[in-house]
Amino acid sequence: MLKLIGAVLIIIATTWTGFEAARHLSERPRQLRQLKSALQSLEAEIMYGHTPLHEASRRLAAQLPKPLSLFFEAFANKLTESETTVKAAWEESLNHIWKLTALKLGEFEIMKQFGETLGRHDRHSQQKQIILTLSHLEREEADARDKQAKYERMVKSLGFLSGLLVIILLM
């Protein structure tokens, strides 16, 4: 009886691990779409609303789900509460929130490079930088969708099957 309970717990744990890994694969494309949407909204705020950067970031934070809303909220707070540059506030906010996202190092570098140009140019140059960043994020999103399609089902199955392997080896 104890062996049976242990076997069931092992199956549950490894299957859950597989499903969590698969969830991480499906979160990445969703968060990339949200990030692209946020940058498009930022572009609209800059180009047509003439909104200050901290105010535009606060509006984005109110519109986006977590964890991206936390990023824009932290960025707006750093801009208003401390004497810092836009680049430094952007990087600090990225570093602070990045581990909560499902995004990879490639997206981190894209966003970091975007932060280096943020607030340094006139509106039209800033718009070009946003469009360039969006095209890079589009490429990353396509890659994320490909990986999701290839590996999501396999990871779920691998979690269950690894549990079965452990049970067979222990018995």
Protein backbone atom coordinates (compact mmCIF):
# COMPACT_ATOMS: atom_id res chain seq x y z
CA MET A 1 0.00 0.00 0.00
CA LEU A 2 2.83 2.41 0.88
CA LYS A 3 4.55 1.66 -2.44
CA LEU A 4 1.34 2.46 -4.31
CA ILE A 5 0.94 5.81 -2.55
CA GLY A 6 4.59 6.63 -3.24
CA ALA A 7 4.19 5.69 -6.91
CA VAL A 8 1.11 7.90 -7.25
CA LEU A 9 2.95 10.83 -5.61
CA ILE A 10 5.91 10.38 -7.95
CA ILE A 11 3.61 10.34 -11.00
CA ILE A 12 1.79 13.44 -9.77
CA ALA A 13 5.02 15.32 -9.06
CA THR A 14 6.71 14.54 -12.36
CA THR A 15 3.56 15.16 -14.39
CA TRP A 16 3.07 18.49 -12.64
CA THR A 17 6.69 19.39 -13.40
CA GLY A 18 6.14 18.60 -17.07
CA PHE A 19 2.99 20.71 -17.20
CA GLU A 20 4.78 23.63 -15.50
CA ALA A 21 7.58 23.47 -18.06
CA ALA A 22 4.97 23.39 -20.84
CA ARG A 23 3.18 26.38 -19.29
CA HIS A 24 6.46 28.28 -19.37
CA LEU A 25 6.73 27.51 -23.09
CA SER A 26 3.22 28.85 -23.72
CA GLU A 27 3.70 31.94 -21.53
CA ARG A 28 6.61 33.26 -23.58
CA PRO A 29 4.70 33.97 -26.83
CA ARG A 30 1.82 35.48 -24.84
CA GLN A 31 4.13 37.80 -22.92
CA LEU A 32 5.91 38.78 -26.13
CA ARG A 33 2.56 39.77 -27.68
CA GLN A 34 1.76 41.83 -24.58
CA LEU A 35 5.17 43.49 -24.73
CA LYS A 36 4.71 44.37 -28.40
CA SER A 37 1.29 45.79 -27.62
CA ALA A 38 2.79 47.84 -24.79
CA LEU A 39 5.46 49.29 -27.07
CA GLN A 40 2.82 50.16 -29.68
CA SER A 41 0.83 51.95 -26.98
CA LEU A 42 3.99 53.73 -25.85
CA GLU A 43 4.56 54.83 -29.43
CA ALA A 44 1.03 56.24 -29.61
CA GLU A 45 1.47 58.06 -26.30
CA ILE A 46 4.77 59.59 -27.47
CA MET A 47 3.73 60.45 -31.02
CA TYR A 48 0.16 61.58 -30.65
CA GLY A 49 -0.45 62.21 -26.97
CA HIS A 50 2.82 64.07 -26.30
CA THR A 51 2.68 62.35 -22.91
CA PRO A 52 5.71 62.47 -20.61
CA LEU A 53 7.48 59.14 -20.32
CA HIS A 54 6.65 58.53 -16.67
CA GLU A 55 2.95 59.22 -17.27
CA ALA A 56 2.86 56.99 -20.34
CA SER A 57 4.51 54.21 -18.32
CA ARG A 58 1.92 54.56 -15.56
CA ARG A 59 -0.89 54.29 -18.12
CA LEU A 60 0.71 51.18 -19.61
CA ALA A 61 1.08 49.64 -16.16
CA ALA A 62 -2.63 50.10 -15.59
CA GLN A 63 -3.50 48.41 -18.90
CA LEU A 64 -1.14 45.42 -18.84
CA PRO A 65 -1.36 42.19 -16.84
CA LYS A 66 1.41 41.14 -14.48
CA PRO A 67 4.41 40.77 -14.71
CA LEU A 68 4.74 43.39 -17.48
CA SER A 69 2.61 45.87 -15.54
CA LEU A 70 5.11 45.60 -12.69
CA PHE A 71 7.90 46.51 -15.07
CA PHE A 72 6.25 49.69 -16.34
CA GLU A 73 5.14 50.63 -12.84
CA ALA A 74 8.68 50.24 -11.51
CA PHE A 75 10.03 52.24 -14.45
CA ALA A 76 7.58 55.10 -13.83
CA ASN A 77 8.41 55.10 -10.13
CA LYS A 78 12.14 55.21 -10.76
CA LEU A 79 11.69 58.14 -13.16
CA THR A 80 9.64 60.20 -10.71
CA GLU A 81 11.11 59.27 -7.34
CA SER A 82 14.85 59.37 -7.98
CA GLU A 83 17.37 61.46 -9.84
CA THR A 84 18.32 58.99 -12.54
CA THR A 85 18.60 58.78 -16.28
CA VAL A 86 15.96 57.11 -18.41
CA LYS A 87 18.49 54.46 -19.44
CA ALA A 88 19.39 53.61 -15.83
CA ALA A 89 15.76 53.52 -14.72
CA TRP A 90 14.88 51.25 -17.66
CA GLU A 91 17.75 48.84 -16.95
CA GLU A 92 17.05 48.71 -13.21
CA SER A 93 13.39 47.98 -13.90
CA LEU A 94 14.32 45.27 -16.42
CA ASN A 95 16.75 43.63 -14.02
CA HIS A 96 14.26 43.82 -11.17
CA ILE A 97 11.32 42.23 -12.98
CA TRP A 98 12.90 39.98 -15.63
CA LYS A 99 13.11 36.85 -13.50
CA LEU A 100 9.33 36.97 -13.04
CA THR A 101 8.71 36.71 -16.78
CA ALA A 102 8.92 33.75 -19.14
CA LEU A 103 11.08 35.76 -21.53
CA LYS A 104 14.58 34.76 -22.56
CA LEU A 105 17.95 36.51 -22.76
CA GLY A 106 17.39 37.53 -26.41
CA GLU A 107 14.32 39.58 -25.46
CA PHE A 108 16.22 41.03 -22.50
CA GLU A 109 18.97 42.29 -24.81
CA ILE A 110 16.43 43.76 -27.24
CA MET A 111 14.67 45.61 -24.44
CA LYS A 112 17.96 46.75 -22.94
CA GLN A 113 19.08 48.19 -26.28
CA PHE A 114 15.72 49.91 -26.65
CA GLY A 115 16.14 51.45 -23.20
CA GLU A 116 19.47 52.93 -24.26
CA THR A 117 17.74 54.98 -26.95
CA LEU A 118 14.58 55.80 -24.99
CA GLY A 119 14.19 59.50 -24.34
CA ARG A 120 17.34 60.51 -26.21
CA HIS A 121 15.83 61.39 -29.57
CA ASP A 122 13.03 63.46 -31.01
CA ARG A 123 9.61 61.89 -31.46
CA HIS A 124 10.16 60.67 -35.03
CA SER A 125 13.51 59.04 -34.26
CA GLN A 126 11.96 57.49 -31.17
CA GLN A 127 9.17 56.11 -33.35
CA LYS A 128 11.76 54.50 -35.64
CA GLN A 129 13.46 52.92 -32.60
CA ILE A 130 10.13 51.52 -31.41
CA ILE A 131 9.41 50.08 -34.86
CA LEU A 132 12.88 48.49 -34.94
CA THR A 133 12.34 46.99 -31.48
CA LEU A 134 8.91 45.69 -32.54
CA SER A 135 10.43 43.95 -35.55
CA HIS A 136 13.04 42.27 -33.32
CA LEU A 137 10.32 41.19 -30.88
CA GLU A 138 8.26 39.86 -33.79
CA ARG A 139 11.16 37.62 -34.76
CA GLU A 140 11.52 36.42 -31.17
CA GLU A 141 7.78 35.75 -30.96
CA ALA A 142 7.90 33.61 -34.11
CA ASP A 143 10.76 31.65 -32.57
CA ALA A 144 8.82 31.25 -29.31
CA ARG A 145 5.74 29.97 -31.16
CA ASP A 146 7.89 27.47 -33.07
CA LYS A 147 9.42 26.17 -29.84
CA GLN A 148 6.01 25.98 -28.23
CA ALA A 149 4.61 23.97 -31.13
CA LYS A 150 7.61 21.62 -31.16
CA TYR A 151 8.18 21.04 -27.48
CA GLU A 152 5.05 21.76 -25.44
CA ARG A 153 3.41 18.37 -25.91
CA MET A 154 6.73 16.56 -25.64
CA VAL A 155 7.54 18.20 -22.29
CA LYS A 156 4.14 17.23 -20.87
CA SER A 157 4.64 13.63 -21.96
CA LEU A 158 8.22 13.59 -20.73
CA GLY A 159 7.10 14.60 -17.24
CA PHE A 160 4.69 11.69 -17.02
CA LEU A 161 7.06 9.19 -18.61
CA SER A 162 9.96 10.17 -16.37
CA GLY A 163 7.69 9.46 -13.39
CA LEU A 164 6.96 6.02 -14.79
CA LEU A 165 10.67 5.40 -15.27
CA VAL A 166 11.43 6.36 -11.68
CA ILE A 167 8.69 4.04 -10.42
CA ILE A 168 9.96 1.13 -12.54
CA LEU A 169 13.52 1.69 -11.32
CA LEU A 170 12.44 1.81 -7.68
CA MET A 171 10.35 -1.36 -7.81
